[in-house]
Amino acid sequence: MLVYMHLLTKKLGGQGVSAQIMLSLPLDDWGTTSISSSRDTSNHWVTRTNWSRSAPTDGGIGWNLAFANGGRESDKYRQADITWRSDYFETKGGMYGNKHDYTRWAEMTGAVVMMNGDMYTTNTINDAFALVSTNSFEDVPVFYENQPIGKTNAKGYMLVPTVTSWYPTKLSIDSLNLPADVDIPSTTYELSVREKSGLLVDFKIKNIQSVNLTLLDNNDKPLPKGSTVKTQDNKTSWVGWDGLVWLQDINANNQLTVTRADTGKVCNVILHIPKQKGIIYLGQQKCQ
């Protein structure tokens, strides 16, 4: 996408006309580049070229390169700086000026937070912050207002340093890469944090016992789909295609009560579930 700007101005009662022409070209993930040329009322033309990219909110590199050239020595300007943002700090450095007078600079900013019995290093906290917990699940992507902000660490925590105080804020996680045998009450929380303070946002993710089995009748045929399955601890599921049943978070020893979808008859299955992680496949079970 190209954007052109053409501006002519003249001061009332003054001499000469100033003008400016600019071309801007977005480069997707590579930032934006622009070229402009301006003329002042003294007929001095200055051409400026700029290429900039903001550091991503979830970490990475950003930069700003600028070059200006004109007929006067003061019009010759150079600028170059780079930014590197991580989960723990942000560092910047660069230079600006002309060939006779360059200014060089560098800085590193960050913050240390003591919360929930541990210490966290993060980028500068200017307003408020939130500590996201995924209950020991690491590398879970965290989003602040639908923008990626980082991933949880090895202990399942991610500190968000850019929360706006007194504002209804939305924090969310991406659960697609979590194991199938976990329970996630919610992947999104809305909160409001007091100024100069922080809040613990616990997504309460936990492992659950997940069981997969196939229910058969006395003739070794799969029970009809849609049949209701109730566990001894009052959890409800249904029979799917080919007699398949999926059960979550049930006791190790349990009795299933099945109501057939075709005849309404009731049969029972006693399950003995071994203690192991992941999804447990019990194979074919006869309902009698």
C-alpha atoms as a PDB file:
ATOM      1  CA  MET A   1       0.000   0.000   0.000  1.00  0.00           C
ATOM      2  CA  LEU A   2       1.391   3.404  -1.016  1.00  0.00           C
ATOM      3  CA  VAL A   3       0.393   6.656   0.620  1.00  0.00           C
ATOM      4  CA  TYR A   4       1.146  10.006  -1.034  1.00  0.00           C
ATOM      5  CA  MET A   5       0.930  13.365   0.642  1.00  0.00           C
ATOM      6  CA  HIS A   6       1.327  16.703  -1.090  1.00  0.00           C
ATOM      7  CA  LEU A   7       1.063  19.846   1.008  1.00  0.00           C
ATOM      8  CA  LEU A   8       1.479  23.496   0.015  1.00  0.00           C
ATOM      9  CA  THR A   9       1.401  26.276   2.592  1.00  0.00           C
ATOM     10  CA  LYS A  10       1.891  29.990   2.451  1.00  0.00           C
ATOM     11  CA  LYS A  11       1.992  32.384   5.387  1.00  0.00           C
ATOM     12  CA  LEU A  12      -0.285  35.388   4.949  1.00  0.00           C
ATOM     13  CA  GLY A  13       1.814  38.468   4.362  1.00  0.00           C
ATOM     14  CA  GLY A  14       4.968  36.365   4.054  1.00  0.00           C
ATOM     15  CA  GLN A  15       7.259  35.540   1.162  1.00  0.00           C
ATOM     16  CA  GLY A  16       7.587  32.224  -0.616  1.00  0.00           C
ATOM     17  CA  VAL A  17       5.697  28.971  -0.451  1.00  0.00           C
ATOM     18  CA  SER A  18       6.635  25.857   1.538  1.00  0.00           C
ATOM     19  CA  ALA A  19       5.853  22.383   0.229  1.00  0.00           C
ATOM     20  CA  GLN A  20       6.169  18.740   1.243  1.00  0.00           C
ATOM     21  CA  ILE A  21       5.836  15.455  -0.642  1.00  0.00           C
ATOM     22  CA  MET A  22       5.982  12.073   1.135  1.00  0.00           C
ATOM     23  CA  LEU A  23       5.825   8.432   0.064  1.00  0.00           C
ATOM     24  CA  SER A  24       5.146   5.764   2.739  1.00  0.00           C
ATOM     25  CA  LEU A  25       5.394   2.017   2.168  1.00  0.00           C
ATOM     26  CA  PRO A  26       4.357  -0.547   4.852  1.00  0.00           C
ATOM     27  CA  LEU A  27       6.563  -3.669   4.802  1.00  0.00           C
ATOM     28  CA  ASP A  28       4.381  -5.987   6.911  1.00  0.00           C
ATOM     29  CA  ASP A  29       6.600  -7.593   9.616  1.00  0.00           C
ATOM     30  CA  TRP A  30       9.578  -5.555   8.425  1.00  0.00           C
ATOM     31  CA  GLY A  31       8.142  -2.226   9.578  1.00  0.00           C
ATOM     32  CA  THR A  32       7.524   0.858   7.500  1.00  0.00           C
ATOM     33  CA  THR A  33       9.721   2.901   5.204  1.00  0.00           C
ATOM     34  CA  SER A  34       9.094   6.441   4.018  1.00  0.00           C
ATOM     35  CA  ILE A  35      10.723   9.031   1.763  1.00  0.00           C
ATOM     36  CA  SER A  36       9.836  12.705   1.948  1.00  0.00           C
ATOM     37  CA  SER A  37      11.043  15.915   0.409  1.00  0.00           C
ATOM     38  CA  SER A  38      10.246  19.374   1.756  1.00  0.00           C
ATOM     39  CA  ARG A  39      10.908  22.942   0.691  1.00  0.00           C
ATOM     40  CA  ASP A  40      10.862  25.931   3.020  1.00  0.00           C
ATOM     41  CA  THR A  41      10.078  29.514   2.124  1.00  0.00           C
ATOM     42  CA  SER A  42      13.784  30.188   1.503  1.00  0.00           C
ATOM     43  CA  ASN A  43      13.796  27.632  -1.314  1.00  0.00           C
ATOM     44  CA  HIS A  44      15.850  25.072   0.680  1.00  0.00           C
ATOM     45  CA  TRP A  45      15.005  21.464  -0.181  1.00  0.00           C
ATOM     46  CA  VAL A  46      15.572  18.642   2.340  1.00  0.00           C
ATOM     47  CA  THR A  47      15.109  14.937   1.553  1.00  0.00           C
ATOM     48  CA  ARG A  48      14.483  12.494   4.395  1.00  0.00           C
ATOM     49  CA  THR A  49      14.466   8.688   4.342  1.00  0.00           C
ATOM     50  CA  ASN A  50      13.248   6.583   7.262  1.00  0.00           C
ATOM     51  CA  TRP A  51      12.890   2.870   7.988  1.00  0.00           C
ATOM     52  CA  SER A  52      11.432   1.852  11.347  1.00  0.00           C
ATOM     53  CA  ARG A  53       9.994  -1.188  13.068  1.00  0.00           C
ATOM     54  CA  SER A  54       8.563  -1.366  16.582  1.00  0.00           C
ATOM     55  CA  ALA A  55       9.762  -4.191  18.807  1.00  0.00           C
ATOM     56  CA  PRO A  56       7.030  -6.868  19.025  1.00  0.00           C
ATOM     57  CA  THR A  57       5.029  -6.952  22.250  1.00  0.00           C
ATOM     58  CA  ASP A  58       5.961 -10.607  22.837  1.00  0.00           C
ATOM     59  CA  GLY A  59       9.690  -9.926  22.369  1.00  0.00           C
ATOM     60  CA  GLY A  60      12.061  -9.342  19.495  1.00  0.00           C
ATOM     61  CA  ILE A  61      14.006  -6.638  17.672  1.00  0.00           C
ATOM     62  CA  GLY A  62      12.917  -3.183  16.577  1.00  0.00           C
ATOM     63  CA  TRP A  63      14.859  -0.415  14.864  1.00  0.00           C
ATOM     64  CA  ASN A  64      14.762   3.126  13.515  1.00  0.00           C
ATOM     65  CA  LEU A  65      17.029   4.316  10.705  1.00  0.00           C
ATOM     66  CA  ALA A  66      16.823   7.877   9.404  1.00  0.00           C
ATOM     67  CA  PHE A  67      18.806   9.869   6.855  1.00  0.00           C
ATOM     68  CA  ALA A  68      18.340  13.505   5.858  1.00  0.00           C
ATOM     69  CA  ASN A  69      20.202  15.499   3.245  1.00  0.00           C
ATOM     70  CA  GLY A  70      19.898  19.062   2.019  1.00  0.00           C
ATOM     71  CA  GLY A  71      21.832  22.024   0.716  1.00  0.00           C
ATOM     72  CA  ARG A  72      22.830  23.306   4.163  1.00  0.00           C
ATOM     73  CA  GLU A  73      25.191  21.531   6.551  1.00  0.00           C
ATOM     74  CA  SER A  74      22.531  21.579   9.261  1.00  0.00           C
ATOM     75  CA  ASP A  75      20.234  19.618   6.961  1.00  0.00           C
ATOM     76  CA  LYS A  76      22.579  16.609   6.898  1.00  0.00           C
ATOM     77  CA  TYR A  77      21.264  14.373   9.656  1.00  0.00           C
ATOM     78  CA  ARG A  78      21.807  10.700  10.531  1.00  0.00           C
ATOM     79  CA  GLN A  79      20.016   8.523  13.074  1.00  0.00           C
ATOM     80  CA  ALA A  80      20.235   4.813  13.882  1.00  0.00           C
ATOM     81  CA  ASP A  81      18.980   2.953  16.922  1.00  0.00           C
ATOM     82  CA  ILE A  82      17.983  -0.597  17.770  1.00  0.00           C
ATOM     83  CA  THR A  83      15.738  -2.091  20.451  1.00  0.00           C
ATOM     84  CA  TRP A  84      15.752  -5.612  21.824  1.00  0.00           C
ATOM     85  CA  ARG A  85      12.809  -6.616  24.012  1.00  0.00           C
ATOM     86  CA  SER A  86      12.716  -9.841  26.018  1.00  0.00           C
ATOM     87  CA  ASP A  87      10.488 -11.186  28.787  1.00  0.00           C
ATOM     88  CA  TYR A  88      12.954  -9.901  31.393  1.00  0.00           C
ATOM     89  CA  PHE A  89      14.202  -6.498  30.231  1.00  0.00           C
ATOM     90  CA  GLU A  90      14.466  -4.106  27.301  1.00  0.00           C
ATOM     91  CA  THR A  91      17.706  -2.678  25.969  1.00  0.00           C
ATOM     92  CA  LYS A  92      18.213   0.139  23.461  1.00  0.00           C
ATOM     93  CA  GLY A  93      21.151   1.863  21.830  1.00  0.00           C
ATOM     94  CA  GLY A  94      21.929   4.167  18.942  1.00  0.00           C
ATOM     95  CA  MET A  95      23.374   7.406  17.622  1.00  0.00           C
ATOM     96  CA  TYR A  96      22.145  10.611  15.985  1.00  0.00           C
ATOM     97  CA  GLY A  97      23.530  13.888  14.627  1.00  0.00           C
ATOM     98  CA  ASN A  98      25.699  14.881  11.665  1.00  0.00           C
ATOM     99  CA  LYS A  99      29.260  14.017  10.757  1.00  0.00           C
ATOM    100  CA  HIS A 100      30.648  16.819  12.929  1.00  0.00           C
ATOM    101  CA  ASP A 101      28.584  16.116  16.042  1.00  0.00           C
ATOM    102  CA  TYR A 102      27.294  12.621  16.800  1.00  0.00           C
ATOM    103  CA  THR A 103      25.568  11.713  20.039  1.00  0.00           C
ATOM    104  CA  ARG A 104      25.732   8.070  21.110  1.00  0.00           C
ATOM    105  CA  TRP A 105      23.488   6.556  23.748  1.00  0.00           C
ATOM    106  CA  ALA A 106      22.440   3.247  25.301  1.00  0.00           C
ATOM    107  CA  GLU A 107      20.051   2.148  28.022  1.00  0.00           C
ATOM    108  CA  MET A 108      18.645  -0.931  29.687  1.00  0.00           C
ATOM    109  CA  THR A 109      15.344  -0.904  31.534  1.00  0.00           C
ATOM    110  CA  GLY A 110      13.460  -3.467  33.571  1.00  0.00           C
ATOM    111  CA  ALA A 111      11.819  -4.217  36.900  1.00  0.00           C
ATOM    112  CA  VAL A 112      11.920  -6.796  39.696  1.00  0.00           C
ATOM    113  CA  VAL A 113       8.681  -8.048  41.269  1.00  0.00           C
ATOM    114  CA  MET A 114       8.251 -10.127  44.434  1.00  0.00           C
ATOM    115  CA  MET A 115       4.900 -11.916  44.295  1.00  0.00           C
ATOM    116  CA  ASN A 116       3.347 -15.262  45.128  1.00  0.00           C
ATOM    117  CA  GLY A 117       6.456 -16.372  46.989  1.00  0.00           C
ATOM    118  CA  ASP A 118       8.868 -15.854  44.094  1.00  0.00           C
ATOM    119  CA  MET A 119      10.863 -13.140  42.309  1.00  0.00           C
ATOM    120  CA  TYR A 120      10.340 -12.123  38.687  1.00  0.00           C
ATOM    121  CA  THR A 121      12.307  -9.862  36.376  1.00  0.00           C
ATOM    122  CA  THR A 122      10.413  -8.074  33.635  1.00  0.00           C
ATOM    123  CA  ASN A 123      10.277  -4.975  31.466  1.00  0.00           C
ATOM    124  CA  THR A 124       9.686  -1.571  33.046  1.00  0.00           C
ATOM    125  CA  ILE A 125       6.380  -1.269  34.907  1.00  0.00           C
ATOM    126  CA  ASN A 126       4.989   2.218  34.372  1.00  0.00           C
ATOM    127  CA  ASP A 127       1.467   1.691  35.673  1.00  0.00           C
ATOM    128  CA  ALA A 128       0.237  -1.727  36.828  1.00  0.00           C
ATOM    129  CA  PHE A 129       1.000  -5.404  36.193  1.00  0.00           C
ATOM    130  CA  ALA A 130      -0.501  -8.889  36.327  1.00  0.00           C
ATOM    131  CA  LEU A 131       1.061 -12.251  37.108  1.00  0.00           C
ATOM    132  CA  VAL A 132      -0.457 -15.038  34.990  1.00  0.00           C
ATOM    133  CA  SER A 133      -0.379 -18.579  36.384  1.00  0.00           C
ATOM    134  CA  THR A 134      -1.075 -21.759  34.398  1.00  0.00           C
ATOM    135  CA  ASN A 135      -0.432 -24.103  37.344  1.00  0.00           C
ATOM    136  CA  SER A 136       3.048 -25.342  36.319  1.00  0.00           C
ATOM    137  CA  PHE A 137       2.257 -25.743  32.597  1.00  0.00           C
ATOM    138  CA  GLU A 138       5.102 -24.056  30.701  1.00  0.00           C
ATOM    139  CA  ASP A 139       5.316 -22.421  27.262  1.00  0.00           C
ATOM    140  CA  VAL A 140       1.630 -21.476  27.264  1.00  0.00           C
ATOM    141  CA  PRO A 141       1.115 -18.360  25.050  1.00  0.00           C
ATOM    142  CA  VAL A 142      -0.328 -15.371  26.951  1.00  0.00           C
ATOM    143  CA  PHE A 143      -2.296 -12.538  25.327  1.00  0.00           C
ATOM    144  CA  TYR A 144      -2.998  -9.040  26.642  1.00  0.00           C
ATOM    145  CA  GLU A 145      -5.944  -7.395  24.867  1.00  0.00           C
ATOM    146  CA  ASN A 146      -5.624 -10.030  22.095  1.00  0.00           C
ATOM    147  CA  GLN A 147      -1.958  -9.149  21.503  1.00  0.00           C
ATOM    148  CA  PRO A 148       0.747 -11.794  22.199  1.00  0.00           C
ATOM    149  CA  ILE A 149       2.801 -10.788  25.228  1.00  0.00           C
ATOM    150  CA  GLY A 150       4.932 -13.915  25.835  1.00  0.00           C
ATOM    151  CA  LYS A 151       4.838 -17.472  27.184  1.00  0.00           C
ATOM    152  CA  THR A 152       4.788 -18.908  30.682  1.00  0.00           C
ATOM    153  CA  ASN A 153       8.134 -19.961  32.168  1.00  0.00           C
ATOM    154  CA  ALA A 154       9.226 -23.361  33.441  1.00  0.00           C
ATOM    155  CA  LYS A 155       7.155 -22.842  36.603  1.00  0.00           C
ATOM    156  CA  GLY A 156       4.037 -21.851  34.665  1.00  0.00           C
ATOM    157  CA  TYR A 157       4.156 -18.073  35.272  1.00  0.00           C
ATOM    158  CA  MET A 158       4.207 -15.036  33.003  1.00  0.00           C
ATOM    159  CA  LEU A 159       4.416 -11.454  34.291  1.00  0.00           C
ATOM    160  CA  VAL A 160       2.589  -8.865  32.175  1.00  0.00           C
ATOM    161  CA  PRO A 161       4.144  -5.431  32.919  1.00  0.00           C
ATOM    162  CA  THR A 162       2.009  -3.249  30.629  1.00  0.00           C
ATOM    163  CA  VAL A 163      -1.420  -3.411  32.286  1.00  0.00           C
ATOM    164  CA  THR A 164      -3.395  -0.144  32.313  1.00  0.00           C
ATOM    165  CA  SER A 165      -4.745   0.598  35.794  1.00  0.00           C
ATOM    166  CA  TRP A 166      -8.452   1.091  36.538  1.00  0.00           C
ATOM    167  CA  TYR A 167      -9.309  -0.191  33.054  1.00  0.00           C
ATOM    168  CA  PRO A 168     -11.256  -3.412  32.286  1.00  0.00           C
ATOM    169  CA  THR A 169      -8.421  -5.524  30.924  1.00  0.00           C
ATOM    170  CA  LYS A 170      -8.638  -8.867  29.118  1.00  0.00           C
ATOM    171  CA  LEU A 171      -5.962 -11.510  29.627  1.00  0.00           C
ATOM    172  CA  SER A 172      -6.165 -14.823  27.781  1.00  0.00           C
ATOM    173  CA  ILE A 173      -4.128 -17.944  27.033  1.00  0.00           C
ATOM    174  CA  ASP A 174      -3.842 -20.242  24.027  1.00  0.00           C
ATOM    175  CA  SER A 175      -4.694 -23.776  25.195  1.00  0.00           C
ATOM    176  CA  LEU A 176      -4.275 -25.583  21.844  1.00  0.00           C
ATOM    177  CA  ASN A 177      -0.912 -27.140  22.769  1.00  0.00           C
ATOM    178  CA  LEU A 178      -1.978 -28.300  26.243  1.00  0.00           C
ATOM    179  CA  PRO A 179      -2.505 -32.043  26.813  1.00  0.00           C
ATOM    180  CA  ALA A 180      -5.950 -33.506  26.213  1.00  0.00           C
ATOM    181  CA  ASP A 181      -6.243 -34.734  29.821  1.00  0.00           C
ATOM    182  CA  VAL A 182      -6.419 -31.271  31.449  1.00  0.00           C
ATOM    183  CA  ASP A 183      -9.349 -29.214  32.654  1.00  0.00           C
ATOM    184  CA  ILE A 184      -9.386 -25.468  31.860  1.00  0.00           C
ATOM    185  CA  PRO A 185     -12.285 -23.595  33.517  1.00  0.00           C
ATOM    186  CA  SER A 186     -11.665 -20.552  31.308  1.00  0.00           C
ATOM    187  CA  THR A 187      -9.101 -19.300  28.799  1.00  0.00           C
ATOM    188  CA  THR A 188     -10.028 -15.619  29.271  1.00  0.00           C
ATOM    189  CA  TYR A 189     -10.194 -13.355  32.312  1.00  0.00           C
ATOM    190  CA  GLU A 190     -11.330  -9.770  32.557  1.00  0.00           C
ATOM    191  CA  LEU A 191      -9.914  -7.735  35.427  1.00  0.00           C
ATOM    192  CA  SER A 192      -9.203  -4.230  36.635  1.00  0.00           C
ATOM    193  CA  VAL A 193      -5.970  -3.488  38.497  1.00  0.00           C
ATOM    194  CA  ARG A 194      -5.356  -0.666  40.934  1.00  0.00           C
ATOM    195  CA  GLU A 195      -2.688   1.890  40.035  1.00  0.00           C
ATOM    196  CA  LYS A 196       0.890   0.986  41.060  1.00  0.00           C
ATOM    197  CA  SER A 197      -0.123  -2.545  42.032  1.00  0.00           C
ATOM    198  CA  GLY A 198      -0.405  -6.062  40.620  1.00  0.00           C
ATOM    199  CA  LEU A 199      -2.841  -8.953  40.512  1.00  0.00           C
ATOM    200  CA  LEU A 200      -2.450 -12.733  40.318  1.00  0.00           C
ATOM    201  CA  VAL A 201      -4.495 -14.242  37.466  1.00  0.00           C
ATOM    202  CA  ASP A 202      -4.791 -17.997  38.016  1.00  0.00           C
ATOM    203  CA  PHE A 203      -6.244 -19.964  35.098  1.00  0.00           C
ATOM    204  CA  LYS A 204      -6.582 -23.007  37.410  1.00  0.00           C
ATOM    205  CA  ILE A 205      -5.475 -25.572  34.843  1.00  0.00           C
ATOM    206  CA  LYS A 206      -5.337 -29.080  36.320  1.00  0.00           C
ATOM    207  CA  ASN A 207      -4.740 -32.653  35.208  1.00  0.00           C
ATOM    208  CA  ILE A 208      -7.771 -34.892  35.132  1.00  0.00           C
ATOM    209  CA  GLN A 209      -8.271 -38.630  34.690  1.00  0.00           C
ATOM    210  CA  SER A 210      -9.537 -39.161  31.125  1.00  0.00           C
ATOM    211  CA  VAL A 211     -10.891 -42.529  30.008  1.00  0.00           C
ATOM    212  CA  ASN A 212     -11.810 -43.800  26.532  1.00  0.00           C
ATOM    213  CA  LEU A 213     -13.725 -47.074  26.081  1.00  0.00           C
ATOM    214  CA  THR A 214     -16.161 -48.919  23.799  1.00  0.00           C
ATOM    215  CA  LEU A 215     -19.451 -50.194  25.227  1.00  0.00           C
ATOM    216  CA  LEU A 216     -20.943 -53.433  23.888  1.00  0.00           C
ATOM    217  CA  ASP A 217     -24.250 -55.172  24.597  1.00  0.00           C
ATOM    218  CA  ASN A 218     -24.697 -58.862  25.441  1.00  0.00           C
ATOM    219  CA  ASN A 219     -24.473 -59.698  21.715  1.00  0.00           C
ATOM    220  CA  ASP A 220     -21.082 -57.970  21.463  1.00  0.00           C
ATOM    221  CA  LYS A 221     -22.577 -55.177  19.352  1.00  0.00           C
ATOM    222  CA  PRO A 222     -21.822 -51.487  20.061  1.00  0.00           C
ATOM    223  CA  LEU A 223     -24.470 -49.697  22.080  1.00  0.00           C
ATOM    224  CA  PRO A 224     -26.504 -47.194  20.017  1.00  0.00           C
ATOM    225  CA  LYS A 225     -25.191 -43.656  19.755  1.00  0.00           C
ATOM    226  CA  GLY A 226     -26.941 -41.144  22.004  1.00  0.00           C
ATOM    227  CA  SER A 227     -27.280 -43.582  24.918  1.00  0.00           C
ATOM    228  CA  THR A 228     -26.854 -41.804  28.268  1.00  0.00           C
ATOM    229  CA  VAL A 229     -23.944 -42.778  30.516  1.00  0.00           C
ATOM    230  CA  LYS A 230     -23.937 -41.806  34.190  1.00  0.00           C
ATOM    231  CA  THR A 231     -21.062 -42.432  36.585  1.00  0.00           C
ATOM    232  CA  GLN A 232     -21.312 -43.334  40.249  1.00  0.00           C
ATOM    233  CA  ASP A 233     -20.319 -39.752  41.174  1.00  0.00           C
ATOM    234  CA  ASN A 234     -23.162 -38.256  39.047  1.00  0.00           C
ATOM    235  CA  LYS A 235     -21.188 -37.232  35.945  1.00  0.00           C
ATOM    236  CA  THR A 236     -22.985 -37.602  32.611  1.00  0.00           C
ATOM    237  CA  SER A 237     -21.671 -38.560  29.182  1.00  0.00           C
ATOM    238  CA  TRP A 238     -23.085 -40.106  26.010  1.00  0.00           C
ATOM    239  CA  VAL A 239     -22.285 -42.986  23.695  1.00  0.00           C
ATOM    240  CA  GLY A 240     -20.882 -41.891  20.343  1.00  0.00           C
ATOM    241  CA  TRP A 241     -20.329 -43.675  17.050  1.00  0.00           C
ATOM    242  CA  ASP A 242     -19.405 -47.389  17.274  1.00  0.00           C
ATOM    243  CA  GLY A 243     -20.085 -47.426  21.026  1.00  0.00           C
ATOM    244  CA  LEU A 244     -17.274 -45.019  21.931  1.00  0.00           C
ATOM    245  CA  VAL A 245     -17.499 -43.228  25.292  1.00  0.00           C
ATOM    246  CA  TRP A 246     -15.290 -40.437  26.668  1.00  0.00           C
ATOM    247  CA  LEU A 247     -15.178 -39.889  30.451  1.00  0.00           C
ATOM    248  CA  GLN A 248     -13.319 -37.217  32.411  1.00  0.00           C
ATOM    249  CA  ASP A 249     -12.315 -36.794  36.043  1.00  0.00           C
ATOM    250  CA  ILE A 250     -13.870 -39.981  37.428  1.00  0.00           C
ATOM    251  CA  ASN A 251     -12.925 -42.160  40.378  1.00  0.00           C
ATOM    252  CA  ALA A 252     -10.555 -45.118  40.001  1.00  0.00           C
ATOM    253  CA  ASN A 253     -13.353 -47.609  40.793  1.00  0.00           C
ATOM    254  CA  ASN A 254     -16.663 -46.657  39.263  1.00  0.00           C
ATOM    255  CA  GLN A 255     -19.948 -48.092  38.070  1.00  0.00           C
ATOM    256  CA  LEU A 256     -21.518 -46.795  34.882  1.00  0.00           C
ATOM    257  CA  THR A 257     -25.279 -46.795  34.435  1.00  0.00           C
ATOM    258  CA  VAL A 258     -26.225 -46.740  30.752  1.00  0.00           C
ATOM    259  CA  THR A 259     -29.699 -45.988  29.364  1.00  0.00           C
ATOM    260  CA  ARG A 260     -30.026 -47.220  25.791  1.00  0.00           C
ATOM    261  CA  ALA A 261     -31.184 -44.635  23.261  1.00  0.00           C
ATOM    262  CA  ASP A 262     -33.254 -47.160  21.261  1.00  0.00           C
ATOM    263  CA  THR A 263     -35.135 -49.195  23.878  1.00  0.00           C
ATOM    264  CA  GLY A 264     -34.681 -47.205  27.098  1.00  0.00           C
ATOM    265  CA  LYS A 265     -33.351 -50.299  28.880  1.00  0.00           C
ATOM    266  CA  VAL A 266     -30.683 -49.861  31.541  1.00  0.00           C
ATOM    267  CA  CYS A 267     -27.427 -51.787  31.863  1.00  0.00           C
ATOM    268  CA  ASN A 268     -24.332 -51.429  34.047  1.00  0.00           C
ATOM    269  CA  VAL A 269     -20.573 -51.584  33.688  1.00  0.00           C
ATOM    270  CA  ILE A 270     -18.032 -51.749  36.533  1.00  0.00           C
ATOM    271  CA  LEU A 271     -14.721 -50.032  35.744  1.00  0.00           C
ATOM    272  CA  HIS A 272     -11.343 -50.404  37.420  1.00  0.00           C
ATOM    273  CA  ILE A 273      -9.143 -47.580  36.174  1.00  0.00           C
ATOM    274  CA  PRO A 274      -5.356 -47.886  36.592  1.00  0.00           C
ATOM    275  CA  LYS A 275      -3.372 -44.966  38.001  1.00  0.00           C
ATOM    276  CA  GLN A 276      -1.388 -43.435  35.158  1.00  0.00           C
ATOM    277  CA  LYS A 277      -0.991 -40.123  33.366  1.00  0.00           C
ATOM    278  CA  GLY A 278      -2.501 -39.272  30.019  1.00  0.00           C
ATOM    279  CA  ILE A 279      -5.575 -40.718  28.362  1.00  0.00           C
ATOM    280  CA  ILE A 280      -6.410 -44.275  29.484  1.00  0.00           C
ATOM    281  CA  TYR A 281      -7.824 -46.632  26.860  1.00  0.00           C
ATOM    282  CA  LEU A 282      -9.924 -49.391  28.458  1.00  0.00           C
ATOM    283  CA  GLY A 283     -10.900 -51.065  25.178  1.00  0.00           C
ATOM    284  CA  GLN A 284     -14.198 -52.923  24.855  1.00  0.00           C
ATOM    285  CA  GLN A 285     -16.433 -53.236  27.921  1.00  0.00           C
ATOM    286  CA  LYS A 286     -19.657 -55.272  28.046  1.00  0.00           C
ATOM    287  CA  CYS A 287     -22.728 -53.537  29.496  1.00  0.00           C
ATOM    288  CA  GLN A 288     -24.969 -56.033  31.345  1.00  0.00           C
END
